[in-house]
Amino acid sequence: MATLQNMVEFPEKTNGLEQESIVSEAVNNIAKNSDLDSKKVIDEVNLIIKNKLATREFKFHILTSISLRPPFPAKLIRLEGVSIRLFDFDYPKKYIGRDRVINANTTNIVDGTPSGYTKIIVSLKEKSEKGAVTSALRALDIQRAIWSLFSNSSMEIIGDEWQPINKIRLGAAHTIHKEGGLVATEMFWYEPNFVKAKLFTHSNLGIFSKNSKWAIKQIDKLSYRNIVKDALLRYVRALDERDQNVALIKIWGALETLAAPSESNYDLVTRRASFFFSEKDYHKQVLEHLRDYRNRSVHAGDQSERAKSNCYQLQFYFYHLILFHLRSAGEFMSLEEANNYLDLPLNIDALKNKKRLIEKAIKFIE
């Protein structure tokens, strides 16, 4: 079932639906009456999606917190069809049920809303509580990824190797509420690897805010914006990790999402991520080293005190790769076309020769 769920490709409009349960329901429905085959399952999946999309949407509010100190880049952010509100003080009183739900839990959460963290309410319309939380945290993490690009340190000389790299991190618990403020369910969502972060304040709020707004605007111009958003989600969630070896494996995945999304050729990642530098051979060698370390971590479970430094290096290359795509918004028709550009040689004579051959081929075809 797990394999089948990963094989079904859902359209973008189903992002708020519980996709795993849809596949499971489709298989069960077909198996009751006939033998399973791919066409029957897909037809049943489409029918279930159609019925679910036809159901009524409800207004939900997801309450969480973030390690960001006022003043904020913005107090109201609209992103991914949701609104994100940041509060200078506490939540409105009508959401009093949040503390009761968290305090009644059987997990090890000591403080669901860490002291000093900024309170956040994400509001949206969805068909279910689970779908609402998934969509809300997705939008919030995309915004956090943008903030992290312009707030994370580039390296750490002295520090705690078990402290996540991200400076702007979510609080420990997230609750969901109905329009009137009552909790929508006694269940709540939490961060299993939560570590309290120091409150972050940017030294130049104007530039920080301007860069963040620019990045969101550029993403919307991209024809392959969903792939870029997926890469940003992988990036920010990777650097939330306490275990830096886990973080490194995940951030390499974020790099692959952009540099070689459907190709198993690791050389493509190192070649394309080193394209932007005049000392290309040096950076390619660094990336080869990081790739080798990543492979050792995956296959042998190797641990290293240098894991966090390696994560910072991979963050450096992800930063330059994502900025390339943001600055090139509107210039490429697809991610494949952008990567074809990154495959071009960084040599004037080689480029001129390639141009001559292409012009000759065009002339021949004409």
Protein backbone atom coordinates (compact mmCIF):
# COMPACT_ATOMS: atom_id res chain seq x y z
CA MET A 1 0.00 0.00 0.00
CA ALA A 2 2.85 2.38 0.86
CA THR A 3 4.43 1.71 -2.53
CA LEU A 4 1.15 2.24 -4.34
CA GLN A 5 0.49 5.52 -2.53
CA ASN A 6 3.85 6.83 -3.72
CA MET A 7 3.11 5.79 -7.31
CA VAL A 8 -0.13 7.76 -7.63
CA GLU A 9 0.43 11.31 -8.88
CA PHE A 10 -2.15 13.74 -7.53
CA PRO A 11 -3.05 17.03 -9.24
CA GLU A 12 -2.20 20.28 -7.47
CA LYS A 13 -5.84 20.96 -6.58
CA THR A 14 -5.80 17.98 -4.17
CA ASN A 15 -3.03 19.37 -1.92
CA GLY A 16 -5.45 19.88 0.95
CA LEU A 17 -6.90 16.36 0.76
CA GLU A 18 -5.68 13.31 2.70
CA GLN A 19 -4.07 11.63 -0.29
CA GLU A 20 -2.95 8.44 1.46
CA SER A 21 -6.46 7.70 2.72
CA ILE A 22 -7.86 8.32 -0.79
CA VAL A 23 -5.63 5.60 -2.29
CA SER A 24 -6.44 3.23 0.57
CA GLU A 25 -10.19 3.83 0.18
CA ALA A 26 -9.97 3.31 -3.60
CA VAL A 27 -8.16 -0.02 -3.24
CA ASN A 28 -10.63 -1.23 -0.61
CA ASN A 29 -13.62 -0.24 -2.74
CA ILE A 30 -12.32 -2.06 -5.82
CA ALA A 31 -11.18 -5.16 -3.90
CA LYS A 32 -14.68 -5.69 -2.49
CA ASN A 33 -16.21 -6.34 -5.88
CA SER A 34 -13.49 -7.35 -8.38
CA ASP A 35 -9.83 -7.99 -9.03
CA LEU A 36 -7.47 -5.05 -8.74
CA ASP A 37 -5.93 -3.46 -11.80
CA SER A 38 -4.35 -0.07 -12.37
CA LYS A 39 -7.17 1.41 -14.44
CA LYS A 40 -9.87 0.49 -11.90
CA VAL A 41 -7.85 1.92 -9.03
CA ILE A 42 -7.10 5.19 -10.83
CA ASP A 43 -10.75 5.56 -11.91
CA GLU A 44 -11.84 5.02 -8.31
CA VAL A 45 -9.23 7.50 -7.02
CA ASN A 46 -10.55 10.11 -9.47
CA LEU A 47 -14.14 9.46 -8.37
CA ILE A 48 -13.24 9.83 -4.67
CA ILE A 49 -11.32 13.04 -5.42
CA LYS A 50 -14.30 14.43 -7.35
CA ASN A 51 -16.65 13.68 -4.45
CA LYS A 52 -14.30 15.14 -1.84
CA LEU A 53 -13.71 18.30 -3.86
CA ALA A 54 -17.48 18.74 -4.07
CA THR A 55 -17.85 18.73 -0.27
CA ARG A 56 -18.20 21.94 1.68
CA GLU A 57 -15.17 23.85 2.93
CA PHE A 58 -14.92 25.16 6.48
CA LYS A 59 -12.97 28.09 7.91
CA PHE A 60 -10.17 26.95 10.21
CA HIS A 61 -7.55 28.75 12.29
CA ILE A 62 -4.26 27.04 13.11
CA LEU A 63 -2.49 28.46 16.17
CA THR A 64 1.26 28.08 16.53
CA SER A 65 4.31 30.20 17.39
CA ILE A 66 7.67 31.17 15.93
CA SER A 67 11.09 32.26 17.25
CA LEU A 68 10.84 35.71 15.70
CA ARG A 69 10.98 38.86 17.81
CA PRO A 70 9.07 42.04 16.85
CA PRO A 71 9.22 44.22 14.85
CA PHE A 72 8.14 41.83 12.10
CA PRO A 73 8.80 41.93 8.33
CA ALA A 74 4.99 42.01 8.04
CA LYS A 75 2.09 41.44 10.44
CA LEU A 76 -0.19 39.95 7.79
CA ILE A 77 1.11 37.65 5.04
CA ARG A 78 -0.98 36.09 2.27
CA LEU A 79 0.60 33.01 0.76
CA GLU A 80 -0.60 29.74 -0.81
CA GLY A 81 -4.23 30.76 -0.33
CA VAL A 82 -3.88 31.28 3.43
CA SER A 83 -3.45 34.32 5.66
CA ILE A 84 -0.70 34.36 8.29
CA ARG A 85 -1.11 36.83 11.16
CA LEU A 86 1.69 37.65 13.62
CA PHE A 87 0.75 39.03 17.05
CA ASP A 88 2.75 41.40 19.26
CA PHE A 89 1.15 39.88 22.36
CA ASP A 90 -1.03 36.85 23.14
CA TYR A 91 -3.69 35.07 21.08
CA PRO A 92 -7.23 36.51 21.20
CA LYS A 93 -9.10 35.22 24.28
CA LYS A 94 -11.58 33.18 22.23
CA TYR A 95 -8.84 30.61 21.55
CA ILE A 96 -8.57 29.65 25.23
CA GLY A 97 -9.06 25.95 24.42
CA ARG A 98 -5.51 25.71 23.00
CA ASP A 99 -3.82 25.39 26.40
CA ARG A 100 -6.34 22.82 27.62
CA VAL A 101 -5.78 20.57 24.60
CA ILE A 102 -1.98 20.77 24.88
CA ASN A 103 -1.93 20.27 28.66
CA ALA A 104 -4.11 17.16 28.36
CA ASN A 105 -1.57 15.45 26.09
CA THR A 106 0.43 12.34 26.95
CA THR A 107 3.57 13.40 25.05
CA ASN A 108 6.67 14.96 26.57
CA ILE A 109 5.81 18.54 25.56
CA VAL A 110 6.58 20.83 28.48
CA ASP A 111 5.76 24.16 26.84
CA GLY A 112 3.58 24.11 23.72
CA THR A 113 4.07 27.87 23.26
CA PRO A 114 7.64 28.68 24.34
CA SER A 115 8.13 31.87 26.33
CA GLY A 116 8.91 34.87 24.13
CA TYR A 117 7.91 33.19 20.87
CA THR A 118 5.68 35.25 18.59
CA LYS A 119 2.10 33.97 18.41
CA ILE A 120 0.85 33.11 14.91
CA ILE A 121 -2.61 32.32 13.53
CA VAL A 122 -2.89 30.80 10.06
CA SER A 123 -6.42 31.09 8.64
CA LEU A 124 -7.78 29.21 5.64
CA LYS A 125 -10.70 27.29 4.20
CA GLU A 126 -10.38 23.51 3.94
CA LYS A 127 -12.52 20.39 3.89
CA SER A 128 -10.97 18.65 6.91
CA GLU A 129 -8.90 19.39 9.99
CA LYS A 130 -5.94 17.34 8.78
CA GLY A 131 -6.01 18.99 5.35
CA ALA A 132 -6.17 22.42 6.98
CA VAL A 133 -3.14 21.80 9.20
CA THR A 134 -1.15 20.32 6.29
CA SER A 135 -1.89 23.34 4.08
CA ALA A 136 -1.26 25.83 6.89
CA LEU A 137 2.12 24.39 7.88
CA ARG A 138 3.13 24.11 4.23
CA ALA A 139 2.48 27.83 3.65
CA LEU A 140 4.14 28.80 6.93
CA ASP A 141 7.22 26.68 6.14
CA ILE A 142 7.55 28.21 2.67
CA GLN A 143 7.57 31.64 4.32
CA ARG A 144 10.06 30.40 6.93
CA ALA A 145 12.27 29.06 4.13
CA ILE A 146 12.34 32.49 2.51
CA TRP A 147 13.17 34.12 5.83
CA SER A 148 15.86 31.51 6.50
CA LEU A 149 17.60 32.26 3.20
CA PHE A 150 18.19 35.80 4.48
CA SER A 151 18.66 35.12 8.21
CA ASN A 152 20.63 31.91 8.76
CA SER A 153 24.32 32.21 9.56
CA SER A 154 26.69 31.21 6.76
CA MET A 155 29.01 29.32 9.15
CA GLU A 156 29.52 28.65 12.84
CA ILE A 157 32.95 28.69 14.48
CA ILE A 158 31.87 27.93 18.05
CA GLY A 159 28.46 26.50 18.82
CA ASP A 160 26.32 23.53 19.82
CA GLU A 161 26.47 20.76 17.20
CA TRP A 162 22.99 19.60 18.33
CA GLN A 163 21.41 23.03 17.84
CA PRO A 164 19.50 23.28 14.51
CA ILE A 165 20.89 25.72 11.93
CA ASN A 166 17.60 27.51 11.29
CA LYS A 167 17.24 30.63 13.42
CA ILE A 168 13.51 31.05 12.76
CA ARG A 169 11.79 27.88 13.99
CA LEU A 170 8.27 26.86 14.95
CA GLY A 171 7.01 26.40 18.48
CA ALA A 172 6.41 22.95 19.94
CA ALA A 173 2.65 22.56 19.33
CA HIS A 174 0.02 23.52 16.74
CA THR A 175 -3.73 23.49 17.46
CA ILE A 176 -6.68 23.89 15.09
CA HIS A 177 -9.79 25.92 15.84
CA LYS A 178 -13.19 26.64 14.32
CA GLU A 179 -14.32 30.06 13.19
CA GLY A 180 -15.65 30.99 16.65
CA GLY A 181 -12.42 30.00 18.40
CA LEU A 182 -13.42 26.60 19.80
CA VAL A 183 -10.97 23.77 19.17
CA ALA A 184 -11.91 21.81 16.04
CA THR A 185 -10.51 18.57 17.46
CA GLU A 186 -8.97 17.39 20.72
CA MET A 187 -5.98 16.25 18.68
CA PHE A 188 -3.04 18.59 18.14
CA TRP A 189 0.15 18.53 16.06
CA TYR A 190 3.64 18.89 17.54
CA GLU A 191 7.33 19.10 16.62
CA PRO A 192 8.93 15.78 17.73
CA ASN A 193 12.49 17.17 17.59
CA PHE A 194 11.69 20.55 19.13
CA VAL A 195 14.61 22.54 20.55
CA LYS A 196 13.93 26.03 21.86
CA ALA A 197 15.61 28.67 19.69
CA LYS A 198 16.97 32.06 20.60
CA LEU A 199 14.56 34.78 19.51
CA PHE A 200 15.67 36.22 16.18
CA THR A 201 15.69 39.91 15.27
CA HIS A 202 17.15 41.02 11.95
CA SER A 203 19.77 43.76 12.14
CA ASN A 204 18.26 45.52 9.10
CA LEU A 205 14.51 44.91 9.05
CA GLY A 206 13.94 47.02 5.92
CA ILE A 207 16.31 44.97 3.75
CA PHE A 208 15.12 41.70 5.31
CA SER A 209 11.49 42.56 4.53
CA LYS A 210 12.31 43.80 1.01
CA ASN A 211 14.28 40.65 0.14
CA SER A 212 11.55 38.37 1.48
CA LYS A 213 8.81 40.09 -0.53
CA TRP A 214 11.00 40.03 -3.66
CA ALA A 215 11.60 36.28 -3.30
CA ILE A 216 7.87 35.48 -3.01
CA LYS A 217 7.13 37.71 -6.02
CA GLN A 218 9.81 35.98 -8.11
CA ILE A 219 8.56 32.49 -7.18
CA ASP A 220 5.10 33.39 -8.50
CA LYS A 221 6.67 34.25 -11.88
CA LEU A 222 8.23 30.79 -12.29
CA SER A 223 6.52 28.25 -14.55
CA TYR A 224 7.99 25.53 -12.30
CA ARG A 225 7.13 27.30 -9.04
CA ASN A 226 5.83 24.12 -7.37
CA ILE A 227 9.20 22.41 -7.74
CA VAL A 228 10.95 25.44 -6.25
CA LYS A 229 8.48 25.49 -3.35
CA ASP A 230 9.09 21.79 -2.76
CA ALA A 231 12.85 22.43 -2.68
CA LEU A 232 12.34 25.30 -0.19
CA LEU A 233 10.23 23.05 2.05
CA ARG A 234 12.92 20.37 2.01
CA TYR A 235 15.57 22.99 2.78
CA VAL A 236 13.85 24.60 5.77
CA ARG A 237 12.69 21.30 7.26
CA ALA A 238 16.19 19.83 6.85
CA LEU A 239 17.79 22.64 8.84
CA ASP A 240 15.22 22.26 11.64
CA GLU A 241 16.90 18.95 12.48
CA ARG A 242 18.99 18.53 15.65
CA ASP A 243 20.95 15.62 14.19
CA GLN A 244 23.22 17.26 11.61
CA ASN A 245 23.83 14.01 9.75
CA VAL A 246 20.07 13.72 9.16
CA ALA A 247 19.99 17.40 8.19
CA LEU A 248 22.78 16.89 5.65
CA ILE A 249 21.01 14.00 3.95
CA LYS A 250 17.81 16.05 3.74
CA ILE A 251 19.40 19.24 2.44
CA TRP A 252 21.22 17.24 -0.24
CA GLY A 253 17.72 16.10 -1.25
CA ALA A 254 16.67 19.75 -1.49
CA LEU A 255 19.65 20.41 -3.77
CA GLU A 256 18.73 17.40 -5.93
CA THR A 257 15.14 18.63 -6.25
CA LEU A 258 16.45 21.62 -8.22
CA ALA A 259 19.64 20.33 -9.85
CA ALA A 260 18.61 16.81 -10.86
CA PRO A 261 14.95 16.17 -10.00
CA SER A 262 14.34 13.11 -12.19
CA GLU A 263 17.90 12.03 -12.92
CA SER A 264 20.01 9.59 -10.89
CA ASN A 265 23.29 11.11 -12.11
CA TYR A 266 24.99 12.65 -9.07
CA ASP A 267 27.53 14.37 -11.32
CA LEU A 268 24.73 16.63 -12.54
CA VAL A 269 24.22 18.03 -9.04
CA THR A 270 27.89 18.90 -8.53
CA ARG A 271 28.25 20.32 -12.05
CA ARG A 272 25.12 22.47 -11.96
CA ALA A 273 25.57 23.70 -8.37
CA SER A 274 29.15 24.82 -9.16
CA PHE A 275 28.17 26.67 -12.36
CA PHE A 276 28.02 30.11 -10.70
CA PHE A 277 31.62 30.34 -9.56
CA SER A 278 34.75 31.38 -11.44
CA GLU A 279 36.72 28.71 -9.51
CA LYS A 280 34.34 26.04 -10.76
CA ASP A 281 36.76 23.11 -10.33
CA TYR A 282 37.34 23.99 -6.69
CA HIS A 283 33.62 24.19 -5.87
CA LYS A 284 32.94 21.00 -7.81
CA GLN A 285 35.56 19.27 -5.65
CA VAL A 286 33.92 20.57 -2.46
CA LEU A 287 30.54 19.29 -3.68
CA GLU A 288 32.08 15.90 -4.51
CA HIS A 289 33.38 15.72 -0.95
CA LEU A 290 29.94 16.61 0.43
CA ARG A 291 28.33 14.01 -1.83
CA ASP A 292 30.74 11.33 -0.63
CA TYR A 293 30.07 12.27 3.00
CA ARG A 294 26.33 12.16 2.36
CA ASN A 295 26.64 8.68 0.81
CA ARG A 296 28.65 7.41 3.78
CA SER A 297 26.01 8.78 6.13
CA VAL A 298 23.23 7.02 4.21
CA HIS A 299 24.89 3.66 3.62
CA ALA A 300 27.12 3.18 6.65
CA GLY A 301 25.59 5.47 9.26
CA ASP A 302 28.88 7.31 9.61
CA GLN A 303 28.92 10.12 12.15
CA SER A 304 31.25 13.08 12.14
CA GLU A 305 31.83 16.17 14.25
CA ARG A 306 32.13 18.06 10.96
CA ALA A 307 28.53 17.26 10.02
CA LYS A 308 27.28 20.73 10.93
CA SER A 309 30.04 22.45 8.93
CA ASN A 310 29.10 20.26 5.98
CA CYS A 311 25.46 21.34 6.38
CA TYR A 312 26.52 24.99 6.30
CA GLN A 313 28.47 24.33 3.09
CA LEU A 314 25.47 22.65 1.45
CA GLN A 315 23.29 25.57 2.58
CA PHE A 316 25.74 27.88 0.76
CA TYR A 317 25.29 26.00 -2.53
CA PHE A 318 21.51 25.72 -2.12
CA TYR A 319 21.36 29.47 -1.49
CA HIS A 320 23.18 30.30 -4.72
CA LEU A 321 21.14 27.78 -6.73
CA ILE A 322 17.79 29.05 -5.44
CA LEU A 323 18.83 32.68 -6.05
CA PHE A 324 19.73 31.78 -9.63
CA HIS A 325 16.18 30.52 -10.21
CA LEU A 326 14.60 33.53 -8.49
CA ARG A 327 16.70 36.02 -10.48
CA SER A 328 15.96 34.13 -13.71
CA ALA A 329 12.19 34.08 -13.15
CA GLY A 330 10.43 34.35 -16.51
CA GLU A 331 13.54 33.50 -18.57
CA PHE A 332 13.09 29.70 -18.73
CA MET A 333 9.99 27.77 -19.75
CA SER A 334 10.76 24.84 -17.45
CA LEU A 335 13.21 23.56 -14.84
CA GLU A 336 14.65 21.26 -17.51
CA GLU A 337 15.43 24.29 -19.68
CA ALA A 338 17.07 26.07 -16.73
CA ASN A 339 19.21 23.00 -16.02
CA ASN A 340 20.19 22.75 -19.69
CA TYR A 341 21.51 26.30 -19.32
CA LEU A 342 23.54 25.22 -16.27
CA ASP A 343 25.04 22.42 -18.37
CA LEU A 344 26.61 24.90 -20.81
CA PRO A 345 30.42 25.17 -20.73
CA LEU A 346 31.97 28.15 -18.94
CA ASN A 347 34.33 28.76 -21.83
CA ILE A 348 33.81 31.42 -24.49
CA ASP A 349 35.43 29.41 -27.30
CA ALA A 350 33.40 26.30 -26.44
CA LEU A 351 30.18 28.37 -26.36
CA LYS A 352 30.97 30.00 -29.71
CA ASN A 353 31.64 26.61 -31.25
CA LYS A 354 28.33 25.27 -29.87
CA LYS A 355 26.57 28.35 -31.28
CA ARG A 356 28.21 27.75 -34.70
CA LEU A 357 27.03 24.12 -34.76
CA ILE A 358 23.49 25.07 -33.73
CA GLU A 359 23.28 27.79 -36.40
CA LYS A 360 24.57 25.30 -38.96
CA ALA A 361 21.92 22.76 -37.92
CA ILE A 362 19.16 25.41 -38.14
CA LYS A 363 20.34 26.37 -41.64
CA PHE A 364 20.38 22.72 -42.71
CA ILE A 365 16.86 22.06 -41.38
CA GLU A 366 15.52 25.24 -43.02
